[in-house]
Amino acid sequence: MTAGIRFFVLVCGIAVAVFALAKDAAQIPVDKRRQGILTEKPETKVGKVDKDRLVVHRIDVVDDDGTIRLTLASPTPPPIIDGIQYKRAFPASGITVFDKAGNERGGFGVADIDGSAVVTAQDHVNGDAIGWRIMPDGSISFVMNERGAIRREPDLGNHIVPATGNPTRIRLTVAADGTPAIALSDKEDHPRLQLTVNKEGFGAIEFLDARGNVVDSIVPEADSRRSRHR
């Protein structure tokens, strides 16, 4: 079975599964649905606007215990991991969300670096899990990071400390020159398999060594053109 056929079968399989789920959902009795309904008239509007404009550096949304669960701020507060606050890699302004213990678990913001950058992230308990970055040079990236080992530091009250060396396993990128790529990396954070469109405009699957050199590639369109010109 060719790669194209395998991909077609996979997509069709997903579509069938989604259709089956939708069909099953349509067969759920109304009384069963009502068991999961809190109200059929949720609050979606406010009676009036108290202020047309509010000028502040920071707004905190808290839960019933008073724990900060969301912050809208400029700049955003430094990250909190297991109750300890660390310096942020770069200043940013935007929205930060926190878990029930008050630890940062993600956010959306604008990074105050040269040229400015838009960033979005969701976090493991000890570091970044997934994130988007739109950089000043026009490049775009979406990454998925393996969670680093959970390590506690006795000298810091046995708190979880930020992970180091945890690899980015999947990268979805559009380079500054427009080149798109999806890369899969090994445990050492070296891209080893890449799906891209090369400089000639051909779709390609590339296999890389640990140094980033392409050791083999599959470029069906280029191979087909070479065959026709023999």
C-alpha atoms as a PDB file:
ATOM      1  CA  MET A   1       0.000   0.000   0.000  1.00  0.00           C
ATOM      2  CA  THR A   2       1.448   3.375  -1.012  1.00  0.00           C
ATOM      3  CA  ALA A   3       1.818   6.268   1.428  1.00  0.00           C
ATOM      4  CA  GLY A   4      -0.928   8.184  -0.409  1.00  0.00           C
ATOM      5  CA  ILE A   5      -3.379   5.294  -0.125  1.00  0.00           C
ATOM      6  CA  ARG A   6      -2.516   4.789   3.549  1.00  0.00           C
ATOM      7  CA  PHE A   7      -3.178   8.468   4.196  1.00  0.00           C
ATOM      8  CA  PHE A   8      -6.502   8.266   2.286  1.00  0.00           C
ATOM      9  CA  VAL A   9      -7.588   5.247   4.324  1.00  0.00           C
ATOM     10  CA  LEU A  10      -6.616   6.980   7.559  1.00  0.00           C
ATOM     11  CA  VAL A  11      -8.601  10.113   6.696  1.00  0.00           C
ATOM     12  CA  CYS A  12     -11.612   8.065   5.613  1.00  0.00           C
ATOM     13  CA  GLY A  13     -11.389   6.063   8.837  1.00  0.00           C
ATOM     14  CA  ILE A  14     -11.415   9.245  10.898  1.00  0.00           C
ATOM     15  CA  ALA A  15     -14.375  10.574   8.936  1.00  0.00           C
ATOM     16  CA  VAL A  16     -16.337   7.350   9.480  1.00  0.00           C
ATOM     17  CA  ALA A  17     -15.543   7.413  13.210  1.00  0.00           C
ATOM     18  CA  VAL A  18     -16.722  11.028  13.526  1.00  0.00           C
ATOM     19  CA  PHE A  19     -19.912  10.191  11.599  1.00  0.00           C
ATOM     20  CA  ALA A  20     -20.544   7.215  13.887  1.00  0.00           C
ATOM     21  CA  LEU A  21     -20.115   9.401  16.977  1.00  0.00           C
ATOM     22  CA  ALA A  22     -22.516  11.979  15.562  1.00  0.00           C
ATOM     23  CA  LYS A  23     -25.044   9.263  14.738  1.00  0.00           C
ATOM     24  CA  ASP A  24     -24.848   7.792  18.244  1.00  0.00           C
ATOM     25  CA  ALA A  25     -25.211  11.270  19.785  1.00  0.00           C
ATOM     26  CA  ALA A  26     -28.407  11.835  17.800  1.00  0.00           C
ATOM     27  CA  GLN A  27     -29.890   8.697  19.342  1.00  0.00           C
ATOM     28  CA  ILE A  28     -29.434   9.836  22.958  1.00  0.00           C
ATOM     29  CA  PRO A  29     -32.906  10.223  24.604  1.00  0.00           C
ATOM     30  CA  VAL A  30     -33.896  13.736  25.658  1.00  0.00           C
ATOM     31  CA  ASP A  31     -34.267  12.711  29.324  1.00  0.00           C
ATOM     32  CA  LYS A  32     -30.660  11.504  29.283  1.00  0.00           C
ATOM     33  CA  ARG A  33     -29.557  14.803  27.793  1.00  0.00           C
ATOM     34  CA  ARG A  34     -31.414  16.744  30.491  1.00  0.00           C
ATOM     35  CA  GLN A  35     -29.401  14.984  33.188  1.00  0.00           C
ATOM     36  CA  GLY A  36     -26.370  16.906  32.032  1.00  0.00           C
ATOM     37  CA  ILE A  37     -28.100  20.291  31.703  1.00  0.00           C
ATOM     38  CA  LEU A  38     -27.540  22.887  34.410  1.00  0.00           C
ATOM     39  CA  THR A  39     -29.898  25.489  32.954  1.00  0.00           C
ATOM     40  CA  GLU A  40     -31.581  26.145  29.629  1.00  0.00           C
ATOM     41  CA  LYS A  41     -31.327  29.901  30.219  1.00  0.00           C
ATOM     42  CA  PRO A  42     -27.671  30.634  30.977  1.00  0.00           C
ATOM     43  CA  GLU A  43     -26.570  34.201  31.639  1.00  0.00           C
ATOM     44  CA  THR A  44     -25.162  35.548  28.380  1.00  0.00           C
ATOM     45  CA  LYS A  45     -25.642  39.292  28.894  1.00  0.00           C
ATOM     46  CA  VAL A  46     -25.239  41.867  31.634  1.00  0.00           C
ATOM     47  CA  GLY A  47     -27.887  44.374  32.558  1.00  0.00           C
ATOM     48  CA  LYS A  48     -25.738  47.421  31.922  1.00  0.00           C
ATOM     49  CA  VAL A  49     -22.167  48.531  31.348  1.00  0.00           C
ATOM     50  CA  ASP A  50     -20.725  49.960  34.571  1.00  0.00           C
ATOM     51  CA  LYS A  51     -17.779  51.639  32.896  1.00  0.00           C
ATOM     52  CA  ASP A  52     -17.040  52.412  29.274  1.00  0.00           C
ATOM     53  CA  ARG A  53     -13.325  52.212  29.931  1.00  0.00           C
ATOM     54  CA  LEU A  54     -11.174  50.709  32.680  1.00  0.00           C
ATOM     55  CA  VAL A  55      -7.485  51.619  32.705  1.00  0.00           C
ATOM     56  CA  VAL A  56      -5.349  49.307  34.840  1.00  0.00           C
ATOM     57  CA  HIS A  57      -2.065  47.406  34.747  1.00  0.00           C
ATOM     58  CA  ARG A  58      -3.594  44.154  35.987  1.00  0.00           C
ATOM     59  CA  ILE A  59      -6.925  42.381  36.499  1.00  0.00           C
ATOM     60  CA  ASP A  60      -7.130  39.101  38.456  1.00  0.00           C
ATOM     61  CA  VAL A  61     -10.004  36.616  38.295  1.00  0.00           C
ATOM     62  CA  VAL A  62     -10.184  34.460  41.429  1.00  0.00           C
ATOM     63  CA  ASP A  63     -12.088  31.336  42.455  1.00  0.00           C
ATOM     64  CA  ASP A  64     -14.186  30.827  45.600  1.00  0.00           C
ATOM     65  CA  ASP A  65     -11.032  30.210  47.641  1.00  0.00           C
ATOM     66  CA  GLY A  66      -9.478  33.461  46.482  1.00  0.00           C
ATOM     67  CA  THR A  67      -6.870  31.693  44.327  1.00  0.00           C
ATOM     68  CA  ILE A  68      -5.935  33.641  41.197  1.00  0.00           C
ATOM     69  CA  ARG A  69      -7.096  31.613  38.183  1.00  0.00           C
ATOM     70  CA  LEU A  70      -6.683  34.155  35.381  1.00  0.00           C
ATOM     71  CA  THR A  71      -4.683  37.351  35.050  1.00  0.00           C
ATOM     72  CA  LEU A  72      -4.919  40.024  32.387  1.00  0.00           C
ATOM     73  CA  ALA A  73      -1.856  42.182  32.827  1.00  0.00           C
ATOM     74  CA  SER A  74       0.859  44.334  31.307  1.00  0.00           C
ATOM     75  CA  PRO A  75       3.361  42.991  32.022  1.00  0.00           C
ATOM     76  CA  THR A  76       2.204  39.480  32.917  1.00  0.00           C
ATOM     77  CA  PRO A  77       3.416  38.201  36.299  1.00  0.00           C
ATOM     78  CA  PRO A  78       6.466  35.897  36.346  1.00  0.00           C
ATOM     79  CA  PRO A  79       5.652  32.166  36.112  1.00  0.00           C
ATOM     80  CA  ILE A  80       4.768  30.120  39.193  1.00  0.00           C
ATOM     81  CA  ILE A  81       5.730  26.420  39.271  1.00  0.00           C
ATOM     82  CA  ASP A  82       4.624  24.390  42.290  1.00  0.00           C
ATOM     83  CA  GLY A  83       4.269  27.480  44.444  1.00  0.00           C
ATOM     84  CA  ILE A  84       7.617  29.093  43.549  1.00  0.00           C
ATOM     85  CA  GLN A  85       7.866  32.094  41.244  1.00  0.00           C
ATOM     86  CA  TYR A  86      10.667  32.228  38.674  1.00  0.00           C
ATOM     87  CA  LYS A  87      11.988  34.893  36.321  1.00  0.00           C
ATOM     88  CA  ARG A  88      10.291  34.967  32.934  1.00  0.00           C
ATOM     89  CA  ALA A  89      12.472  34.389  29.866  1.00  0.00           C
ATOM     90  CA  PHE A  90      11.201  37.614  28.282  1.00  0.00           C
ATOM     91  CA  PRO A  91       8.692  40.288  29.335  1.00  0.00           C
ATOM     92  CA  ALA A  92       5.203  39.905  27.910  1.00  0.00           C
ATOM     93  CA  SER A  93       1.727  41.346  28.188  1.00  0.00           C
ATOM     94  CA  GLY A  94      -1.474  39.352  27.910  1.00  0.00           C
ATOM     95  CA  ILE A  95      -3.528  36.658  29.632  1.00  0.00           C
ATOM     96  CA  THR A  96      -2.180  34.006  32.010  1.00  0.00           C
ATOM     97  CA  VAL A  97      -4.204  31.073  33.389  1.00  0.00           C
ATOM     98  CA  PHE A  98      -3.520  29.168  36.604  1.00  0.00           C
ATOM     99  CA  ASP A  99      -4.537  25.827  38.141  1.00  0.00           C
ATOM    100  CA  LYS A 100      -6.393  25.499  41.447  1.00  0.00           C
ATOM    101  CA  ALA A 101      -3.102  25.732  43.343  1.00  0.00           C
ATOM    102  CA  GLY A 102      -2.163  29.000  41.636  1.00  0.00           C
ATOM    103  CA  ASN A 103       0.478  27.562  39.314  1.00  0.00           C
ATOM    104  CA  GLU A 104       0.790  28.911  35.761  1.00  0.00           C
ATOM    105  CA  ARG A 105      -0.582  26.509  33.160  1.00  0.00           C
ATOM    106  CA  GLY A 106      -0.625  28.617  30.023  1.00  0.00           C
ATOM    107  CA  GLY A 107      -1.505  31.885  28.430  1.00  0.00           C
ATOM    108  CA  PHE A 108      -1.622  34.207  25.459  1.00  0.00           C
ATOM    109  CA  GLY A 109       0.494  37.284  25.056  1.00  0.00           C
ATOM    110  CA  VAL A 110       2.717  39.605  23.112  1.00  0.00           C
ATOM    111  CA  ALA A 111       6.403  39.197  23.907  1.00  0.00           C
ATOM    112  CA  ASP A 112       8.350  42.408  24.318  1.00  0.00           C
ATOM    113  CA  ILE A 113      11.373  41.398  22.259  1.00  0.00           C
ATOM    114  CA  ASP A 114      12.930  43.310  19.367  1.00  0.00           C
ATOM    115  CA  GLY A 115      10.271  43.496  16.673  1.00  0.00           C
ATOM    116  CA  SER A 116       7.634  41.970  19.010  1.00  0.00           C
ATOM    117  CA  ALA A 117       6.249  38.422  18.876  1.00  0.00           C
ATOM    118  CA  VAL A 118       2.866  36.836  19.502  1.00  0.00           C
ATOM    119  CA  VAL A 119       3.014  33.773  21.764  1.00  0.00           C
ATOM    120  CA  THR A 120       0.535  31.213  23.064  1.00  0.00           C
ATOM    121  CA  ALA A 121       1.363  28.330  25.402  1.00  0.00           C
ATOM    122  CA  GLN A 122      -0.146  25.579  27.527  1.00  0.00           C
ATOM    123  CA  ASP A 123       2.068  24.042  30.164  1.00  0.00           C
ATOM    124  CA  HIS A 124       3.036  20.807  31.840  1.00  0.00           C
ATOM    125  CA  VAL A 125       3.398  21.119  35.612  1.00  0.00           C
ATOM    126  CA  ASN A 126       7.111  21.757  35.129  1.00  0.00           C
ATOM    127  CA  GLY A 127       7.438  23.580  31.803  1.00  0.00           C
ATOM    128  CA  ASP A 128       6.009  24.352  28.368  1.00  0.00           C
ATOM    129  CA  ALA A 129       3.907  21.632  26.745  1.00  0.00           C
ATOM    130  CA  ILE A 130       2.650  23.180  23.528  1.00  0.00           C
ATOM    131  CA  GLY A 131       3.091  26.627  22.094  1.00  0.00           C
ATOM    132  CA  TRP A 132       2.658  28.953  19.143  1.00  0.00           C
ATOM    133  CA  ARG A 133       5.083  31.695  18.189  1.00  0.00           C
ATOM    134  CA  ILE A 134       4.752  34.322  15.473  1.00  0.00           C
ATOM    135  CA  MET A 135       8.191  35.888  15.215  1.00  0.00           C
ATOM    136  CA  PRO A 136       9.357  39.316  13.969  1.00  0.00           C
ATOM    137  CA  ASP A 137      11.016  37.797  10.871  1.00  0.00           C
ATOM    138  CA  GLY A 138       7.651  36.384   9.733  1.00  0.00           C
ATOM    139  CA  SER A 139       8.307  32.788  10.758  1.00  0.00           C
ATOM    140  CA  ILE A 140       5.590  30.810  12.540  1.00  0.00           C
ATOM    141  CA  SER A 141       6.001  27.759  14.739  1.00  0.00           C
ATOM    142  CA  PHE A 142       3.827  25.348  16.686  1.00  0.00           C
ATOM    143  CA  VAL A 143       5.646  22.919  18.972  1.00  0.00           C
ATOM    144  CA  MET A 144       4.749  19.965  21.172  1.00  0.00           C
ATOM    145  CA  ASN A 145       7.237  19.234  23.953  1.00  0.00           C
ATOM    146  CA  GLU A 146       7.790  16.010  25.820  1.00  0.00           C
ATOM    147  CA  ARG A 147       7.280  16.503  29.544  1.00  0.00           C
ATOM    148  CA  GLY A 148      10.572  16.471  31.378  1.00  0.00           C
ATOM    149  CA  ALA A 149      11.105  14.237  34.385  1.00  0.00           C
ATOM    150  CA  ILE A 150       9.327  15.475  37.503  1.00  0.00           C
ATOM    151  CA  ARG A 151      12.097  16.438  39.901  1.00  0.00           C
ATOM    152  CA  ARG A 152      11.724  17.824  43.399  1.00  0.00           C
ATOM    153  CA  GLU A 153      14.413  19.883  45.115  1.00  0.00           C
ATOM    154  CA  PRO A 154      14.893  19.171  48.845  1.00  0.00           C
ATOM    155  CA  ASP A 155      16.638  22.530  49.312  1.00  0.00           C
ATOM    156  CA  LEU A 156      13.518  24.272  47.974  1.00  0.00           C
ATOM    157  CA  GLY A 157      11.074  22.573  50.324  1.00  0.00           C
ATOM    158  CA  ASN A 158      10.785  19.541  48.044  1.00  0.00           C
ATOM    159  CA  HIS A 159       8.959  21.598  45.430  1.00  0.00           C
ATOM    160  CA  ILE A 160       8.817  20.583  41.771  1.00  0.00           C
ATOM    161  CA  VAL A 161      11.468  22.498  39.816  1.00  0.00           C
ATOM    162  CA  PRO A 162      11.386  23.541  36.140  1.00  0.00           C
ATOM    163  CA  ALA A 163      12.408  20.777  33.745  1.00  0.00           C
ATOM    164  CA  THR A 164      15.556  21.165  31.691  1.00  0.00           C
ATOM    165  CA  GLY A 165      16.498  19.434  28.468  1.00  0.00           C
ATOM    166  CA  ASN A 166      13.019  18.142  27.688  1.00  0.00           C
ATOM    167  CA  PRO A 167      12.871  17.748  23.892  1.00  0.00           C
ATOM    168  CA  THR A 168      10.476  19.239  21.398  1.00  0.00           C
ATOM    169  CA  ARG A 169       9.108  16.140  19.688  1.00  0.00           C
ATOM    170  CA  ILE A 170       6.899  17.738  17.020  1.00  0.00           C
ATOM    171  CA  ARG A 171       7.452  21.037  15.181  1.00  0.00           C
ATOM    172  CA  LEU A 172       5.039  22.566  12.698  1.00  0.00           C
ATOM    173  CA  THR A 173       6.705  25.561  11.065  1.00  0.00           C
ATOM    174  CA  VAL A 174       6.535  28.086   8.282  1.00  0.00           C
ATOM    175  CA  ALA A 175      10.000  29.597   7.855  1.00  0.00           C
ATOM    176  CA  ALA A 176      10.612  33.271   7.156  1.00  0.00           C
ATOM    177  CA  ASP A 177      11.079  32.417   3.459  1.00  0.00           C
ATOM    178  CA  GLY A 178       7.716  30.595   3.389  1.00  0.00           C
ATOM    179  CA  THR A 179       9.037  27.023   3.517  1.00  0.00           C
ATOM    180  CA  PRO A 180       6.546  24.792   5.405  1.00  0.00           C
ATOM    181  CA  ALA A 181       7.636  21.774   7.433  1.00  0.00           C
ATOM    182  CA  ILE A 182       6.466  19.231   9.959  1.00  0.00           C
ATOM    183  CA  ALA A 183       9.378  17.691  11.864  1.00  0.00           C
ATOM    184  CA  LEU A 184       9.557  14.783  14.311  1.00  0.00           C
ATOM    185  CA  SER A 185      12.498  14.787  16.710  1.00  0.00           C
ATOM    186  CA  ASP A 186      14.315  12.187  18.785  1.00  0.00           C
ATOM    187  CA  LYS A 187      14.870  12.159  22.544  1.00  0.00           C
ATOM    188  CA  GLU A 188      17.872  14.457  22.102  1.00  0.00           C
ATOM    189  CA  ASP A 189      15.748  17.115  20.368  1.00  0.00           C
ATOM    190  CA  HIS A 190      17.277  16.414  16.943  1.00  0.00           C
ATOM    191  CA  PRO A 191      14.783  16.521  14.040  1.00  0.00           C
ATOM    192  CA  ARG A 192      14.964  13.091  12.360  1.00  0.00           C
ATOM    193  CA  LEU A 193      11.957  12.986  10.020  1.00  0.00           C
ATOM    194  CA  GLN A 194      10.538  15.933   8.103  1.00  0.00           C
ATOM    195  CA  LEU A 195       7.612  16.508   5.769  1.00  0.00           C
ATOM    196  CA  THR A 196       8.197  19.603   3.652  1.00  0.00           C
ATOM    197  CA  VAL A 197       7.956  21.307   0.281  1.00  0.00           C
ATOM    198  CA  ASN A 198      11.475  21.709  -1.067  1.00  0.00           C
ATOM    199  CA  LYS A 199      13.001  24.631  -2.995  1.00  0.00           C
ATOM    200  CA  GLU A 200      11.911  23.099  -6.304  1.00  0.00           C
ATOM    201  CA  GLY A 201       8.301  23.085  -5.100  1.00  0.00           C
ATOM    202  CA  PHE A 202       8.115  19.297  -4.691  1.00  0.00           C
ATOM    203  CA  GLY A 203       6.531  17.622  -1.690  1.00  0.00           C
ATOM    204  CA  ALA A 204       9.195  15.659   0.160  1.00  0.00           C
ATOM    205  CA  ILE A 205       9.720  13.334   3.088  1.00  0.00           C
ATOM    206  CA  GLU A 206      13.235  13.771   4.457  1.00  0.00           C
ATOM    207  CA  PHE A 207      15.229  11.603   6.841  1.00  0.00           C
ATOM    208  CA  LEU A 208      17.891  13.414   8.865  1.00  0.00           C
ATOM    209  CA  ASP A 209      20.840  12.393  10.980  1.00  0.00           C
ATOM    210  CA  ALA A 210      21.553  13.823  14.431  1.00  0.00           C
ATOM    211  CA  ARG A 211      23.483  16.720  12.871  1.00  0.00           C
ATOM    212  CA  GLY A 212      20.515  17.793  10.764  1.00  0.00           C
ATOM    213  CA  ASN A 213      21.879  16.480   7.465  1.00  0.00           C
ATOM    214  CA  VAL A 214      19.394  14.896   5.049  1.00  0.00           C
ATOM    215  CA  VAL A 215      20.539  11.290   4.591  1.00  0.00           C
ATOM    216  CA  ASP A 216      17.625  10.147   2.445  1.00  0.00           C
ATOM    217  CA  SER A 217      14.465  11.598   0.953  1.00  0.00           C
ATOM    218  CA  ILE A 218      11.311  10.555  -0.830  1.00  0.00           C
ATOM    219  CA  VAL A 219      10.241  13.008  -3.552  1.00  0.00           C
ATOM    220  CA  PRO A 220       7.718  11.196  -5.783  1.00  0.00           C
ATOM    221  CA  GLU A 221       7.074  14.102  -8.188  1.00  0.00           C
ATOM    222  CA  ALA A 222      10.781  14.695  -8.823  1.00  0.00           C
ATOM    223  CA  ASP A 223      11.336  10.962  -9.364  1.00  0.00           C
ATOM    224  CA  SER A 224       8.434  10.863 -11.820  1.00  0.00           C
ATOM    225  CA  ARG A 225       9.814  13.796 -13.822  1.00  0.00           C
ATOM    226  CA  ARG A 226      13.260  12.213 -14.025  1.00  0.00           C
ATOM    227  CA  SER A 227      11.706   8.976 -15.291  1.00  0.00           C
ATOM    228  CA  ARG A 228       9.808  10.798 -18.047  1.00  0.00           C
ATOM    229  CA  HIS A 229      12.974  12.496 -19.266  1.00  0.00           C
ATOM    230  CA  ARG A 230      15.077   9.356 -19.544  1.00  0.00           C
END
